[in-house]
Amino acid sequence: MTSTMIRFAQESDAHHIAAIHVASWQKIYRGLIPDSTLNNLSVVEKEKLWLALIKNHSQILIIDIDQQMVGFASIGATRDTDADAAKCGE
């Protein structure tokens, strides 16, 4: 039987989040973003970003299947300066 869990990220998750982040961008945006940009994405740099967000208590959810991380979601207020806050749930 498959075990699926959704949980909040911990600092120890930063590397795996970064690896999924980079791999998904390289797969999904190939042909839409210049290859040079995608090829230069760094798991090490993204790990620093995700670790800082986790330490800052950002709401980051992890999806585990059979105790292996398969995805993540980041939840928060919009950062778009032109967004209508009332429509974004703030």
N, C-alpha and C. Protein backbone atom coordinates (compact mmCIF):
# COMPACT_ATOMS: atom_id res chain seq x y z
N MET A 1 0.83 -1.18 0.00
CA MET A 1 0.00 0.00 0.00
C MET A 1 0.88 1.25 0.00
N THR A 2 0.52 2.22 -0.81
CA THR A 2 1.26 3.47 -0.92
C THR A 2 0.88 4.41 0.22
N SER A 3 1.88 5.05 0.79
CA SER A 3 1.67 6.01 1.87
C SER A 3 1.96 7.41 1.36
N THR A 4 0.97 8.29 1.42
CA THR A 4 1.14 9.67 0.98
C THR A 4 0.98 10.59 2.17
N MET A 5 1.91 11.56 2.29
CA MET A 5 1.86 12.50 3.40
C MET A 5 2.14 13.91 2.89
N ILE A 6 1.42 14.88 3.41
CA ILE A 6 1.69 16.29 3.17
C ILE A 6 2.09 16.87 4.51
N ARG A 7 3.22 17.57 4.53
CA ARG A 7 3.76 18.09 5.78
C ARG A 7 4.46 19.42 5.52
N PHE A 8 4.75 20.14 6.58
CA PHE A 8 5.52 21.38 6.45
C PHE A 8 7.00 21.05 6.29
N ALA A 9 7.69 21.87 5.49
CA ALA A 9 9.12 21.67 5.23
C ALA A 9 9.94 21.93 6.48
N GLN A 10 11.03 21.19 6.57
CA GLN A 10 12.04 21.37 7.62
C GLN A 10 13.34 21.78 6.94
N GLU A 11 14.25 22.33 7.70
CA GLU A 11 15.53 22.77 7.12
C GLU A 11 16.22 21.65 6.35
N SER A 12 16.10 20.43 6.83
CA SER A 12 16.76 19.29 6.18
C SER A 12 16.16 18.99 4.80
N ASP A 13 15.04 19.60 4.45
CA ASP A 13 14.39 19.38 3.16
C ASP A 13 14.92 20.31 2.06
N ALA A 14 15.68 21.33 2.42
CA ALA A 14 16.06 22.37 1.46
C ALA A 14 16.76 21.82 0.22
N HIS A 15 17.66 20.87 0.39
CA HIS A 15 18.39 20.33 -0.77
C HIS A 15 17.43 19.61 -1.73
N HIS A 16 16.54 18.80 -1.19
CA HIS A 16 15.62 18.04 -2.05
C HIS A 16 14.62 18.98 -2.75
N ILE A 17 14.17 20.02 -2.05
CA ILE A 17 13.29 21.01 -2.68
C ILE A 17 14.03 21.66 -3.85
N ALA A 18 15.28 22.06 -3.61
CA ALA A 18 16.08 22.71 -4.66
C ALA A 18 16.27 21.80 -5.86
N ALA A 19 16.54 20.53 -5.62
CA ALA A 19 16.75 19.58 -6.73
C ALA A 19 15.47 19.43 -7.55
N ILE A 20 14.33 19.34 -6.89
CA ILE A 20 13.06 19.24 -7.60
C ILE A 20 12.78 20.54 -8.35
N HIS A 21 13.05 21.67 -7.73
CA HIS A 21 12.84 22.98 -8.34
C HIS A 21 13.63 23.10 -9.65
N VAL A 22 14.92 22.81 -9.59
CA VAL A 22 15.78 22.93 -10.77
C VAL A 22 15.36 21.93 -11.85
N ALA A 23 15.15 20.69 -11.49
CA ALA A 23 14.79 19.66 -12.48
C ALA A 23 13.46 19.98 -13.15
N SER A 24 12.50 20.47 -12.38
CA SER A 24 11.19 20.77 -12.97
C SER A 24 11.28 21.96 -13.92
N TRP A 25 12.03 22.99 -13.55
CA TRP A 25 12.19 24.12 -14.46
C TRP A 25 12.90 23.69 -15.75
N GLN A 26 13.94 22.88 -15.62
CA GLN A 26 14.67 22.43 -16.81
C GLN A 26 13.80 21.59 -17.72
N LYS A 27 12.86 20.87 -17.18
CA LYS A 27 11.95 20.04 -17.98
C LYS A 27 10.82 20.87 -18.58
N ILE A 28 10.15 21.64 -17.76
CA ILE A 28 8.93 22.34 -18.16
C ILE A 28 9.21 23.54 -19.07
N TYR A 29 10.29 24.27 -18.79
CA TYR A 29 10.53 25.52 -19.52
C TYR A 29 11.49 25.38 -20.70
N ARG A 30 11.97 24.13 -20.96
CA ARG A 30 12.86 23.93 -22.11
C ARG A 30 12.12 24.33 -23.38
N GLY A 31 12.71 25.19 -24.20
CA GLY A 31 12.08 25.68 -25.41
C GLY A 31 11.33 27.00 -25.20
N LEU A 32 11.10 27.36 -23.95
CA LEU A 32 10.42 28.61 -23.63
C LEU A 32 11.37 29.65 -23.04
N ILE A 33 12.37 29.16 -22.33
CA ILE A 33 13.41 29.99 -21.72
C ILE A 33 14.72 29.55 -22.37
N PRO A 34 15.63 30.49 -22.60
CA PRO A 34 16.90 30.09 -23.23
C PRO A 34 17.59 28.94 -22.50
N ASP A 35 18.11 28.00 -23.28
CA ASP A 35 18.81 26.85 -22.70
C ASP A 35 19.93 27.28 -21.76
N SER A 36 20.61 28.37 -22.10
CA SER A 36 21.71 28.82 -21.24
C SER A 36 21.21 29.17 -19.84
N THR A 37 20.04 29.75 -19.74
CA THR A 37 19.46 30.08 -18.44
C THR A 37 19.13 28.81 -17.68
N LEU A 38 18.48 27.87 -18.34
CA LEU A 38 18.10 26.62 -17.69
C LEU A 38 19.31 25.79 -17.30
N ASN A 39 20.30 25.75 -18.17
CA ASN A 39 21.49 24.95 -17.90
C ASN A 39 22.32 25.52 -16.75
N ASN A 40 22.15 26.81 -16.48
CA ASN A 40 22.92 27.45 -15.41
C ASN A 40 22.18 27.50 -14.08
N LEU A 41 20.97 26.93 -14.01
CA LEU A 41 20.28 26.85 -12.73
C LEU A 41 21.11 25.99 -11.78
N SER A 42 21.22 26.42 -10.56
CA SER A 42 22.10 25.75 -9.60
C SER A 42 21.30 25.21 -8.41
N VAL A 43 21.42 23.91 -8.19
CA VAL A 43 20.79 23.32 -7.01
C VAL A 43 21.37 23.94 -5.74
N VAL A 44 22.67 24.19 -5.74
CA VAL A 44 23.33 24.78 -4.57
C VAL A 44 22.75 26.16 -4.26
N GLU A 45 22.58 26.99 -5.29
CA GLU A 45 22.02 28.33 -5.08
C GLU A 45 20.55 28.26 -4.67
N LYS A 46 19.79 27.39 -5.30
CA LYS A 46 18.37 27.24 -4.94
C LYS A 46 18.24 26.69 -3.53
N GLU A 47 19.16 25.82 -3.12
CA GLU A 47 19.13 25.28 -1.77
C GLU A 47 19.27 26.41 -0.75
N LYS A 48 20.16 27.36 -1.02
CA LYS A 48 20.33 28.52 -0.13
C LYS A 48 19.03 29.31 -0.03
N LEU A 49 18.37 29.50 -1.17
CA LEU A 49 17.09 30.23 -1.20
C LEU A 49 16.04 29.51 -0.37
N TRP A 50 15.87 28.21 -0.61
CA TRP A 50 14.84 27.46 0.10
C TRP A 50 15.15 27.35 1.58
N LEU A 51 16.41 27.21 1.94
CA LEU A 51 16.78 27.15 3.35
C LEU A 51 16.43 28.46 4.06
N ALA A 52 16.71 29.57 3.40
CA ALA A 52 16.37 30.87 3.98
C ALA A 52 14.86 31.01 4.15
N LEU A 53 14.10 30.56 3.17
CA LEU A 53 12.64 30.64 3.27
C LEU A 53 12.12 29.77 4.41
N ILE A 54 12.67 28.57 4.54
CA ILE A 54 12.24 27.68 5.62
C ILE A 54 12.59 28.30 6.97
N LYS A 55 13.80 28.83 7.09
CA LYS A 55 14.21 29.46 8.35
C LYS A 55 13.36 30.69 8.68
N ASN A 56 12.84 31.34 7.64
CA ASN A 56 12.00 32.53 7.81
C ASN A 56 10.54 32.16 8.08
N HIS A 57 10.30 30.88 8.27
CA HIS A 57 8.96 30.36 8.59
C HIS A 57 7.96 30.56 7.45
N SER A 58 8.45 30.54 6.23
CA SER A 58 7.53 30.57 5.09
C SER A 58 6.72 29.27 5.10
N GLN A 59 5.54 29.33 4.55
CA GLN A 59 4.70 28.14 4.52
C GLN A 59 5.03 27.33 3.26
N ILE A 60 5.80 26.29 3.45
CA ILE A 60 6.20 25.41 2.37
C ILE A 60 5.74 24.01 2.72
N LEU A 61 4.94 23.45 1.84
CA LEU A 61 4.42 22.10 2.06
C LEU A 61 5.23 21.11 1.23
N ILE A 62 5.45 19.94 1.79
CA ILE A 62 6.17 18.85 1.14
C ILE A 62 5.19 17.72 0.89
N ILE A 63 5.28 17.11 -0.27
CA ILE A 63 4.48 15.94 -0.59
C ILE A 63 5.43 14.74 -0.61
N ASP A 64 5.20 13.80 0.29
CA ASP A 64 5.99 12.57 0.37
C ASP A 64 5.13 11.39 -0.06
N ILE A 65 5.68 10.53 -0.88
CA ILE A 65 5.05 9.25 -1.20
C ILE A 65 6.03 8.18 -0.77
N ASP A 66 5.55 7.29 0.08
CA ASP A 66 6.40 6.24 0.65
C ASP A 66 7.70 6.83 1.21
N GLN A 67 7.56 7.91 1.95
CA GLN A 67 8.64 8.60 2.64
C GLN A 67 9.70 9.19 1.71
N GLN A 68 9.33 9.41 0.45
CA GLN A 68 10.24 10.06 -0.50
C GLN A 68 9.58 11.33 -1.03
N MET A 69 10.30 12.46 -0.95
CA MET A 69 9.75 13.73 -1.42
C MET A 69 9.56 13.68 -2.93
N VAL A 70 8.35 14.00 -3.37
CA VAL A 70 8.05 14.02 -4.80
C VAL A 70 7.60 15.39 -5.28
N GLY A 71 7.34 16.31 -4.36
CA GLY A 71 6.92 17.64 -4.76
C GLY A 71 6.82 18.57 -3.57
N PHE A 72 6.57 19.84 -3.87
CA PHE A 72 6.44 20.85 -2.83
C PHE A 72 5.54 21.96 -3.32
N ALA A 73 5.03 22.75 -2.40
CA ALA A 73 4.23 23.93 -2.72
C ALA A 73 4.59 25.02 -1.72
N SER A 74 4.70 26.23 -2.22
CA SER A 74 4.98 27.38 -1.37
C SER A 74 3.72 28.23 -1.32
N ILE A 75 3.30 28.59 -0.12
CA ILE A 75 2.05 29.31 0.08
C ILE A 75 2.36 30.64 0.73
N GLY A 76 1.77 31.71 0.19
CA GLY A 76 1.97 33.01 0.82
C GLY A 76 1.23 34.09 0.07
N ALA A 77 1.32 35.26 0.61
CA ALA A 77 0.68 36.42 0.00
C ALA A 77 1.35 36.74 -1.34
N THR A 78 0.60 37.33 -2.22
CA THR A 78 1.16 37.71 -3.52
C THR A 78 2.30 38.70 -3.35
N ARG A 79 3.29 38.59 -4.23
CA ARG A 79 4.40 39.55 -4.24
C ARG A 79 4.25 40.51 -5.42
N ASP A 80 3.19 40.33 -6.20
CA ASP A 80 2.97 41.20 -7.36
C ASP A 80 2.52 42.56 -6.87
N THR A 81 3.25 43.60 -7.27
CA THR A 81 2.93 44.95 -6.82
C THR A 81 1.63 45.48 -7.41
N ASP A 82 1.20 44.91 -8.54
CA ASP A 82 -0.01 45.41 -9.18
C ASP A 82 -1.24 44.53 -8.89
N ALA A 83 -1.10 43.58 -7.98
CA ALA A 83 -2.21 42.67 -7.67
C ALA A 83 -3.20 43.33 -6.72
N ASP A 84 -4.45 42.97 -6.88
CA ASP A 84 -5.51 43.42 -5.97
C ASP A 84 -5.49 42.51 -4.76
N ALA A 85 -5.07 43.03 -3.61
CA ALA A 85 -4.92 42.21 -2.41
C ALA A 85 -6.22 41.54 -2.02
N ALA A 86 -7.35 42.19 -2.23
CA ALA A 86 -8.65 41.60 -1.86
C ALA A 86 -8.93 40.34 -2.67
N LYS A 87 -8.47 40.31 -3.90
CA LYS A 87 -8.71 39.14 -4.76
C LYS A 87 -7.68 38.03 -4.50
N CYS A 88 -6.60 38.37 -3.79
CA CYS A 88 -5.53 37.39 -3.55
C CYS A 88 -5.61 36.80 -2.15
N GLY A 89 -6.67 37.09 -1.44
CA GLY A 89 -6.86 36.48 -0.14
C GLY A 89 -6.08 37.08 0.99
N GLU A 90 -5.60 38.30 0.81
CA GLU A 90 -4.85 38.97 1.91
C GLU A 90 -5.82 39.63 2.84
